[in-house]
């Protein structure tokens, strides 16, 4: 199970569906951070949440690929602040 360093309100879990968001550095241990990078989920990556799963996770679009993430992984993916 991935280890999440911290959880905030500005995570992928709070992102609205179908709106593109920009990821900040993941708040995760090194192993999970490497795996997320392999999937294209890095700091500065644009992702679009497509669907919420029954277990609380999410299906996201990353550069044309759909990736299913569990709830704890979504909680580790922090979002960059939007400038108004």
PDB file of N, CA and C in Angstrom:
ATOM      1  N   UNK A   1       0.847  -1.181   0.000  1.00  0.00           N
ATOM      2  CA  UNK A   1       0.000   0.000   0.000  1.00  0.00           C
ATOM      3  C   UNK A   1       0.889   1.240   0.000  1.00  0.00           C
ATOM      4  N   UNK A   2       0.587   2.213  -0.869  1.00  0.00           N
ATOM      5  CA  UNK A   2       1.430   3.407  -0.924  1.00  0.00           C
ATOM      6  C   UNK A   2       1.341   4.215   0.364  1.00  0.00           C
ATOM      7  N   UNK A   3       2.446   4.844   0.691  1.00  0.00           N
ATOM      8  CA  UNK A   3       2.498   5.667   1.890  1.00  0.00           C
ATOM      9  C   UNK A   3       2.381   7.128   1.484  1.00  0.00           C
ATOM     10  N   UNK A   4       1.366   7.796   1.950  1.00  0.00           N
ATOM     11  CA  UNK A   4       1.131   9.201   1.646  1.00  0.00           C
ATOM     12  C   UNK A   4       1.700  10.052   2.775  1.00  0.00           C
ATOM     13  N   UNK A   5       2.519  11.021   2.411  1.00  0.00           N
ATOM     14  CA  UNK A   5       3.166  11.859   3.402  1.00  0.00           C
ATOM     15  C   UNK A   5       2.187  12.837   4.029  1.00  0.00           C
ATOM     16  N   UNK A   6       1.315  13.434   3.229  1.00  0.00           N
ATOM     17  CA  UNK A   6       0.317  14.355   3.778  1.00  0.00           C
ATOM     18  C   UNK A   6      -0.898  14.401   2.864  1.00  0.00           C
ATOM     19  N   UNK A   7      -2.011  14.814   3.415  1.00  0.00           N
ATOM     20  CA  UNK A   7      -3.239  14.934   2.634  1.00  0.00           C
ATOM     21  C   UNK A   7      -3.793  16.338   2.858  1.00  0.00           C
ATOM     22  N   UNK A   8      -4.130  17.028   1.779  1.00  0.00           N
ATOM     23  CA  UNK A   8      -4.686  18.365   1.885  1.00  0.00           C
ATOM     24  C   UNK A   8      -5.978  18.445   1.086  1.00  0.00           C
ATOM     25  N   UNK A   9      -6.640  19.593   1.165  1.00  0.00           N
ATOM     26  CA  UNK A   9      -7.878  19.792   0.416  1.00  0.00           C
ATOM     27  C   UNK A   9      -7.599  19.937  -1.075  1.00  0.00           C
ATOM     28  N   UNK A  10      -6.386  20.305  -1.445  1.00  0.00           N
ATOM     29  CA  UNK A  10      -6.065  20.529  -2.848  1.00  0.00           C
ATOM     30  C   UNK A  10      -5.382  19.312  -3.458  1.00  0.00           C
ATOM     31  N   UNK A  11      -6.070  18.182  -3.422  1.00  0.00           N
ATOM     32  CA  UNK A  11      -5.554  16.963  -4.021  1.00  0.00           C
ATOM     33  C   UNK A  11      -6.414  16.608  -5.229  1.00  0.00           C
ATOM     34  N   UNK A  12      -6.013  15.583  -5.930  1.00  0.00           N
ATOM     35  CA  UNK A  12      -6.786  15.137  -7.086  1.00  0.00           C
ATOM     36  C   UNK A  12      -8.201  14.733  -6.681  1.00  0.00           C
ATOM     37  N   UNK A  13      -8.378  14.310  -5.430  1.00  0.00           N
ATOM     38  CA  UNK A  13      -9.717  13.939  -4.961  1.00  0.00           C
ATOM     39  C   UNK A  13     -10.703  15.106  -5.013  1.00  0.00           C
ATOM     40  N   UNK A  14     -10.202  16.329  -4.850  1.00  0.00           N
ATOM     41  CA  UNK A  14     -11.083  17.501  -4.828  1.00  0.00           C
ATOM     42  C   UNK A  14     -11.260  18.126  -6.207  1.00  0.00           C
ATOM     43  N   UNK A  15     -10.590  17.596  -7.218  1.00  0.00           N
ATOM     44  CA  UNK A  15     -10.675  18.178  -8.560  1.00  0.00           C
ATOM     45  C   UNK A  15     -12.033  17.870  -9.192  1.00  0.00           C
ATOM     46  N   UNK A  16     -12.624  18.850  -9.861  1.00  0.00           N
ATOM     47  CA  UNK A  16     -13.899  18.605 -10.533  1.00  0.00           C
ATOM     48  C   UNK A  16     -13.694  17.712 -11.766  1.00  0.00           C
ATOM     49  N   UNK A  17     -14.679  16.885 -12.049  1.00  0.00           N
ATOM     50  CA  UNK A  17     -14.599  16.007 -13.214  1.00  0.00           C
ATOM     51  C   UNK A  17     -14.585  16.819 -14.505  1.00  0.00           C
ATOM     52  N   UNK A  18     -13.816  16.337 -15.461  1.00  0.00           N
ATOM     53  CA  UNK A  18     -13.699  16.876 -16.813  1.00  0.00           C
ATOM     54  C   UNK A  18     -12.959  18.213 -16.907  1.00  0.00           C
ATOM     55  N   UNK A  19     -12.481  18.757 -15.788  1.00  0.00           N
ATOM     56  CA  UNK A  19     -11.674  19.984 -15.805  1.00  0.00           C
ATOM     57  C   UNK A  19     -10.202  19.611 -15.745  1.00  0.00           C
ATOM     58  N   UNK A  20      -9.412  20.200 -16.621  1.00  0.00           N
ATOM     59  CA  UNK A  20      -7.978  19.914 -16.611  1.00  0.00           C
ATOM     60  C   UNK A  20      -7.324  20.592 -15.414  1.00  0.00           C
ATOM     61  N   UNK A  21      -6.484  19.849 -14.715  1.00  0.00           N
ATOM     62  CA  UNK A  21      -5.754  20.376 -13.567  1.00  0.00           C
ATOM     63  C   UNK A  21      -4.266  20.097 -13.764  1.00  0.00           C
ATOM     64  N   UNK A  22      -3.436  20.852 -13.049  1.00  0.00           N
ATOM     65  CA  UNK A  22      -1.987  20.689 -13.129  1.00  0.00           C
ATOM     66  C   UNK A  22      -1.501  20.125 -11.797  1.00  0.00           C
ATOM     67  N   UNK A  23      -0.712  19.061 -11.889  1.00  0.00           N
ATOM     68  CA  UNK A  23      -0.211  18.408 -10.687  1.00  0.00           C
ATOM     69  C   UNK A  23       1.000  19.130 -10.115  1.00  0.00           C
ATOM     70  N   UNK A  24       1.080  19.126  -8.798  1.00  0.00           N
ATOM     71  CA  UNK A  24       2.263  19.589  -8.079  1.00  0.00           C
ATOM     72  C   UNK A  24       3.068  18.339  -7.722  1.00  0.00           C
ATOM     73  N   UNK A  25       4.155  18.494  -7.009  1.00  0.00           N
ATOM     74  CA  UNK A  25       4.961  17.337  -6.602  1.00  0.00           C
ATOM     75  C   UNK A  25       4.117  16.408  -5.741  1.00  0.00           C
ATOM     76  N   UNK A  26       4.128  15.105  -6.012  1.00  0.00           N
ATOM     77  CA  UNK A  26       3.331  14.176  -5.201  1.00  0.00           C
ATOM     78  C   UNK A  26       3.861  14.067  -3.777  1.00  0.00           C
ATOM     79  N   UNK A  27       2.948  14.016  -2.828  1.00  0.00           N
ATOM     80  CA  UNK A  27       3.313  13.862  -1.415  1.00  0.00           C
ATOM     81  C   UNK A  27       3.327  12.376  -1.107  1.00  0.00           C
ATOM     82  N   UNK A  28       4.361  11.692  -1.611  1.00  0.00           N
ATOM     83  CA  UNK A  28       4.430  10.236  -1.484  1.00  0.00           C
ATOM     84  C   UNK A  28       5.875   9.810  -1.254  1.00  0.00           C
ATOM     85  N   UNK A  29       6.044   8.550  -0.869  1.00  0.00           N
ATOM     86  CA  UNK A  29       7.401   8.027  -0.697  1.00  0.00           C
ATOM     87  C   UNK A  29       8.070   7.866  -2.064  1.00  0.00           C
ATOM     88  N   UNK A  30       9.363   7.592  -2.062  1.00  0.00           N
ATOM     89  CA  UNK A  30      10.138   7.542  -3.302  1.00  0.00           C
ATOM     90  C   UNK A  30       9.649   6.478  -4.272  1.00  0.00           C
ATOM     91  N   UNK A  31       9.274   5.322  -3.774  1.00  0.00           N
ATOM     92  CA  UNK A  31       8.819   4.239  -4.652  1.00  0.00           C
ATOM     93  C   UNK A  31       7.542   4.625  -5.391  1.00  0.00           C
ATOM     94  N   UNK A  32       6.581   5.187  -4.679  1.00  0.00           N
ATOM     95  CA  UNK A  32       5.336   5.608  -5.317  1.00  0.00           C
ATOM     96  C   UNK A  32       5.594   6.779  -6.258  1.00  0.00           C
ATOM     97  N   UNK A  33       6.449   7.689  -5.858  1.00  0.00           N
ATOM     98  CA  UNK A  33       6.779   8.832  -6.713  1.00  0.00           C
ATOM     99  C   UNK A  33       7.374   8.368  -8.056  1.00  0.00           C
ATOM    100  N   UNK A  34       8.267   7.360  -8.002  1.00  0.00           N
ATOM    101  CA  UNK A  34       8.848   6.812  -9.236  1.00  0.00           C
ATOM    102  C   UNK A  34       7.781   6.162 -10.105  1.00  0.00           C
ATOM    103  N   UNK A  35       6.898   5.393  -9.482  1.00  0.00           N
ATOM    104  CA  UNK A  35       5.836   4.723 -10.257  1.00  0.00           C
ATOM    105  C   UNK A  35       4.901   5.737 -10.899  1.00  0.00           C
ATOM    106  N   UNK A  36       4.545   6.781 -10.163  1.00  0.00           N
ATOM    107  CA  UNK A  36       3.686   7.815 -10.731  1.00  0.00           C
ATOM    108  C   UNK A  36       4.368   8.503 -11.909  1.00  0.00           C
ATOM    109  N   UNK A  37       5.666   8.749 -11.791  1.00  0.00           N
ATOM    110  CA  UNK A  37       6.412   9.373 -12.882  1.00  0.00           C
ATOM    111  C   UNK A  37       6.410   8.472 -14.120  1.00  0.00           C
ATOM    112  N   UNK A  38       6.526   7.150 -13.914  1.00  0.00           N
ATOM    113  CA  UNK A  38       6.464   6.212 -15.036  1.00  0.00           C
ATOM    114  C   UNK A  38       5.129   6.286 -15.760  1.00  0.00           C
ATOM    115  N   UNK A  39       4.074   6.589 -15.025  1.00  0.00           N
ATOM    116  CA  UNK A  39       2.732   6.713 -15.604  1.00  0.00           C
ATOM    117  C   UNK A  39       2.478   8.090 -16.206  1.00  0.00           C
ATOM    118  N   UNK A  40       3.434   9.016 -16.058  1.00  0.00           N
ATOM    119  CA  UNK A  40       3.264  10.367 -16.584  1.00  0.00           C
ATOM    120  C   UNK A  40       2.673  11.342 -15.589  1.00  0.00           C
ATOM    121  N   UNK A  41       2.553  10.940 -14.332  1.00  0.00           N
ATOM    122  CA  UNK A  41       1.980  11.792 -13.292  1.00  0.00           C
ATOM    123  C   UNK A  41       3.119  12.459 -12.524  1.00  0.00           C
ATOM    124  N   UNK A  42       3.640  13.543 -13.100  1.00  0.00           N
ATOM    125  CA  UNK A  42       4.765  14.291 -12.525  1.00  0.00           C
ATOM    126  C   UNK A  42       4.327  15.715 -12.219  1.00  0.00           C
ATOM    127  N   UNK A  43       5.177  16.413 -11.502  1.00  0.00           N
ATOM    128  CA  UNK A  43       4.938  17.821 -11.226  1.00  0.00           C
ATOM    129  C   UNK A  43       4.851  18.566 -12.558  1.00  0.00           C
ATOM    130  N   UNK A  44       3.781  19.342 -12.747  1.00  0.00           N
ATOM    131  CA  UNK A  44       3.580  20.091 -13.977  1.00  0.00           C
ATOM    132  C   UNK A  44       2.746  19.380 -15.019  1.00  0.00           C
ATOM    133  N   UNK A  45       2.430  18.103 -14.788  1.00  0.00           N
ATOM    134  CA  UNK A  45       1.617  17.341 -15.740  1.00  0.00           C
ATOM    135  C   UNK A  45       0.167  17.807 -15.691  1.00  0.00           C
ATOM    136  N   UNK A  46      -0.451  17.866 -16.861  1.00  0.00           N
ATOM    137  CA  UNK A  46      -1.873  18.198 -16.950  1.00  0.00           C
ATOM    138  C   UNK A  46      -2.667  16.895 -16.996  1.00  0.00           C
ATOM    139  N   UNK A  47      -3.641  16.781 -16.130  1.00  0.00           N
ATOM    140  CA  UNK A  47      -4.509  15.603 -16.113  1.00  0.00           C
ATOM    141  C   UNK A  47      -5.963  16.055 -16.091  1.00  0.00           C
ATOM    142  N   UNK A  48      -6.831  15.177 -16.564  1.00  0.00           N
ATOM    143  CA  UNK A  48      -8.269  15.467 -16.571  1.00  0.00           C
ATOM    144  C   UNK A  48      -8.995  14.328 -15.862  1.00  0.00           C
ATOM    145  N   UNK A  49      -9.552  14.573 -14.681  1.00  0.00           N
ATOM    146  CA  UNK A  49     -10.346  13.541 -14.003  1.00  0.00           C
ATOM    147  C   UNK A  49     -11.594  13.229 -14.837  1.00  0.00           C
ATOM    148  N   UNK A  50     -11.800  11.953 -15.146  1.00  0.00           N
ATOM    149  CA  UNK A  50     -12.918  11.565 -16.000  1.00  0.00           C
ATOM    150  C   UNK A  50     -14.071  10.938 -15.235  1.00  0.00           C
ATOM    151  N   UNK A  51     -13.761  10.132 -14.234  1.00  0.00           N
ATOM    152  CA  UNK A  51     -14.812   9.378 -13.552  1.00  0.00           C
ATOM    153  C   UNK A  51     -14.348   9.003 -12.145  1.00  0.00           C
ATOM    154  N   UNK A  52     -15.262   9.014 -11.205  1.00  0.00           N
ATOM    155  CA  UNK A  52     -14.977   8.541  -9.852  1.00  0.00           C
ATOM    156  C   UNK A  52     -15.336   7.060  -9.787  1.00  0.00           C
ATOM    157  N   UNK A  53     -14.553   6.297  -9.047  1.00  0.00           N
ATOM    158  CA  UNK A  53     -14.805   4.864  -8.930  1.00  0.00           C
ATOM    159  C   UNK A  53     -15.569   4.577  -7.635  1.00  0.00           C
ATOM    160  N   UNK A  54     -16.241   3.434  -7.542  1.00  0.00           N
ATOM    161  CA  UNK A  54     -16.992   3.106  -6.329  1.00  0.00           C
ATOM    162  C   UNK A  54     -16.133   3.062  -5.062  1.00  0.00           C
ATOM    163  N   UNK A  55     -14.864   2.723  -5.180  1.00  0.00           N
ATOM    164  CA  UNK A  55     -13.983   2.651  -4.019  1.00  0.00           C
ATOM    165  C   UNK A  55     -13.405   3.988  -3.604  1.00  0.00           C
ATOM    166  N   UNK A  56     -13.794   5.068  -4.287  1.00  0.00           N
ATOM    167  CA  UNK A  56     -13.314   6.398  -3.934  1.00  0.00           C
ATOM    168  C   UNK A  56     -12.145   6.856  -4.782  1.00  0.00           C
ATOM    169  N   UNK A  57     -11.689   6.036  -5.703  1.00  0.00           N
ATOM    170  CA  UNK A  57     -10.596   6.409  -6.596  1.00  0.00           C
ATOM    171  C   UNK A  57     -11.099   7.204  -7.785  1.00  0.00           C
ATOM    172  N   UNK A  58     -10.296   7.208  -8.832  1.00  0.00           N
ATOM    173  CA  UNK A  58     -10.631   8.036  -9.972  1.00  0.00           C
ATOM    174  C   UNK A  58      -9.973   7.484 -11.238  1.00  0.00           C
ATOM    175  N   UNK A  59     -10.639   7.679 -12.360  1.00  0.00           N
ATOM    176  CA  UNK A  59     -10.041   7.407 -13.658  1.00  0.00           C
ATOM    177  C   UNK A  59      -9.671   8.759 -14.239  1.00  0.00           C
ATOM    178  N   UNK A  60      -8.400   8.903 -14.653  1.00  0.00           N
ATOM    179  CA  UNK A  60      -7.913  10.182 -15.175  1.00  0.00           C
ATOM    180  C   UNK A  60      -7.350   9.999 -16.574  1.00  0.00           C
ATOM    181  N   UNK A  61      -7.409  11.068 -17.343  1.00  0.00           N
ATOM    182  CA  UNK A  61      -6.809  11.111 -18.670  1.00  0.00           C
ATOM    183  C   UNK A  61      -5.465  11.812 -18.549  1.00  0.00           C
ATOM    184  N   UNK A  62      -4.397  11.111 -18.955  1.00  0.00           N
ATOM    185  CA  UNK A  62      -3.050  11.669 -18.944  1.00  0.00           C
ATOM    186  C   UNK A  62      -2.503  11.548 -20.357  1.00  0.00           C
ATOM    187  N   UNK A  63      -2.440  12.643 -21.066  1.00  0.00           N
ATOM    188  CA  UNK A  63      -1.929  12.674 -22.440  1.00  0.00           C
ATOM    189  C   UNK A  63      -2.557  11.600 -23.318  1.00  0.00           C
ATOM    190  N   UNK A  64      -3.868  11.468 -23.246  1.00  0.00           N
ATOM    191  CA  UNK A  64      -4.584  10.530 -24.100  1.00  0.00           C
ATOM    192  C   UNK A  64      -4.722   9.124 -23.550  1.00  0.00           C
ATOM    193  N   UNK A  65      -4.109   8.819 -22.429  1.00  0.00           N
ATOM    194  CA  UNK A  65      -4.224   7.495 -21.804  1.00  0.00           C
ATOM    195  C   UNK A  65      -5.107   7.592 -20.562  1.00  0.00           C
ATOM    196  N   UNK A  66      -5.944   6.593 -20.383  1.00  0.00           N
ATOM    197  CA  UNK A  66      -6.785   6.534 -19.182  1.00  0.00           C
ATOM    198  C   UNK A  66      -6.095   5.683 -18.137  1.00  0.00           C
ATOM    199  N   UNK A  67      -5.994   6.232 -16.933  1.00  0.00           N
ATOM    200  CA  UNK A  67      -5.317   5.539 -15.839  1.00  0.00           C
ATOM    201  C   UNK A  67      -6.269   5.505 -14.649  1.00  0.00           C
ATOM    202  N   UNK A  68      -6.428   4.327 -14.055  1.00  0.00           N
ATOM    203  CA  UNK A  68      -7.249   4.174 -12.852  1.00  0.00           C
ATOM    204  C   UNK A  68      -6.347   4.285 -11.622  1.00  0.00           C
ATOM    205  N   UNK A  69      -6.737   5.145 -10.689  1.00  0.00           N
ATOM    206  CA  UNK A  69      -5.968   5.376  -9.467  1.00  0.00           C
ATOM    207  C   UNK A  69      -6.851   5.099  -8.258  1.00  0.00           C
ATOM    208  N   UNK A  70      -6.274   4.483  -7.222  1.00  0.00           N
ATOM    209  CA  UNK A  70      -7.047   4.258  -6.006  1.00  0.00           C
ATOM    210  C   UNK A  70      -7.121   5.541  -5.180  1.00  0.00           C
ATOM    211  N   UNK A  71      -7.966   5.524  -4.165  1.00  0.00           N
ATOM    212  CA  UNK A  71      -8.217   6.717  -3.352  1.00  0.00           C
ATOM    213  C   UNK A  71      -6.947   7.240  -2.682  1.00  0.00           C
ATOM    214  N   UNK A  72      -6.142   6.349  -2.115  1.00  0.00           N
ATOM    215  CA  UNK A  72      -4.952   6.812  -1.398  1.00  0.00           C
ATOM    216  C   UNK A  72      -3.937   7.446  -2.351  1.00  0.00           C
ATOM    217  N   UNK A  73      -3.834   6.948  -3.568  1.00  0.00           N
ATOM    218  CA  UNK A  73      -2.926   7.551  -4.541  1.00  0.00           C
ATOM    219  C   UNK A  73      -3.447   8.921  -4.973  1.00  0.00           C
ATOM    220  N   UNK A  74      -4.743   9.037  -5.196  1.00  0.00           N
ATOM    221  CA  UNK A  74      -5.330  10.340  -5.553  1.00  0.00           C
ATOM    222  C   UNK A  74      -5.094  11.366  -4.444  1.00  0.00           C
ATOM    223  N   UNK A  75      -5.136  10.912  -3.194  1.00  0.00           N
ATOM    224  CA  UNK A  75      -4.924  11.814  -2.061  1.00  0.00           C
ATOM    225  C   UNK A  75      -3.483  12.308  -2.002  1.00  0.00           C
ATOM    226  N   UNK A  76      -2.554  11.575  -2.580  1.00  0.00           N
ATOM    227  CA  UNK A  76      -1.141  11.973  -2.592  1.00  0.00           C
ATOM    228  C   UNK A  76      -0.809  12.943  -3.719  1.00  0.00           C
ATOM    229  N   UNK A  77      -1.688  13.040  -4.713  1.00  0.00           N
ATOM    230  CA  UNK A  77      -1.421  13.899  -5.868  1.00  0.00           C
ATOM    231  C   UNK A  77      -1.947  15.303  -5.596  1.00  0.00           C
ATOM    232  N   UNK A  78      -1.044  16.176  -5.265  1.00  0.00           N
ATOM    233  CA  UNK A  78      -1.388  17.559  -4.948  1.00  0.00           C
ATOM    234  C   UNK A  78      -1.577  18.357  -6.231  1.00  0.00           C
ATOM    235  N   UNK A  79      -2.420  19.382  -6.158  1.00  0.00           N
ATOM    236  CA  UNK A  79      -2.690  20.235  -7.310  1.00  0.00           C
ATOM    237  C   UNK A  79      -1.989  21.570  -7.142  1.00  0.00           C
ATOM    238  N   UNK A  80      -1.521  22.126  -8.251  1.00  0.00           N
ATOM    239  CA  UNK A  80      -0.920  23.465  -8.207  1.00  0.00           C
ATOM    240  C   UNK A  80      -2.040  24.484  -8.045  1.00  0.00           C
ATOM    241  N   UNK A  81      -1.731  25.557  -7.354  1.00  0.00           N
ATOM    242  CA  UNK A  81      -2.705  26.617  -7.147  1.00  0.00           C
ATOM    243  C   UNK A  81      -2.949  27.350  -8.452  1.00  0.00           C
ATOM    244  N   UNK A  82      -4.200  27.639  -8.727  1.00  0.00           N
ATOM    245  CA  UNK A  82      -4.545  28.399  -9.928  1.00  0.00           C
ATOM    246  C   UNK A  82      -4.459  29.882  -9.618  1.00  0.00           C
ATOM    247  N   UNK A  83      -3.881  30.625 -10.529  1.00  0.00           N
ATOM    248  CA  UNK A  83      -3.794  32.071 -10.367  1.00  0.00           C
ATOM    249  C   UNK A  83      -4.983  32.727 -11.041  1.00  0.00           C
ATOM    250  N   UNK A  84      -5.659  33.583 -10.323  1.00  0.00           N
ATOM    251  CA  UNK A  84      -6.849  34.252 -10.874  1.00  0.00           C
ATOM    252  C   UNK A  84      -6.480  35.424 -11.745  1.00  0.00           C
TER     253      UNK A  84
END
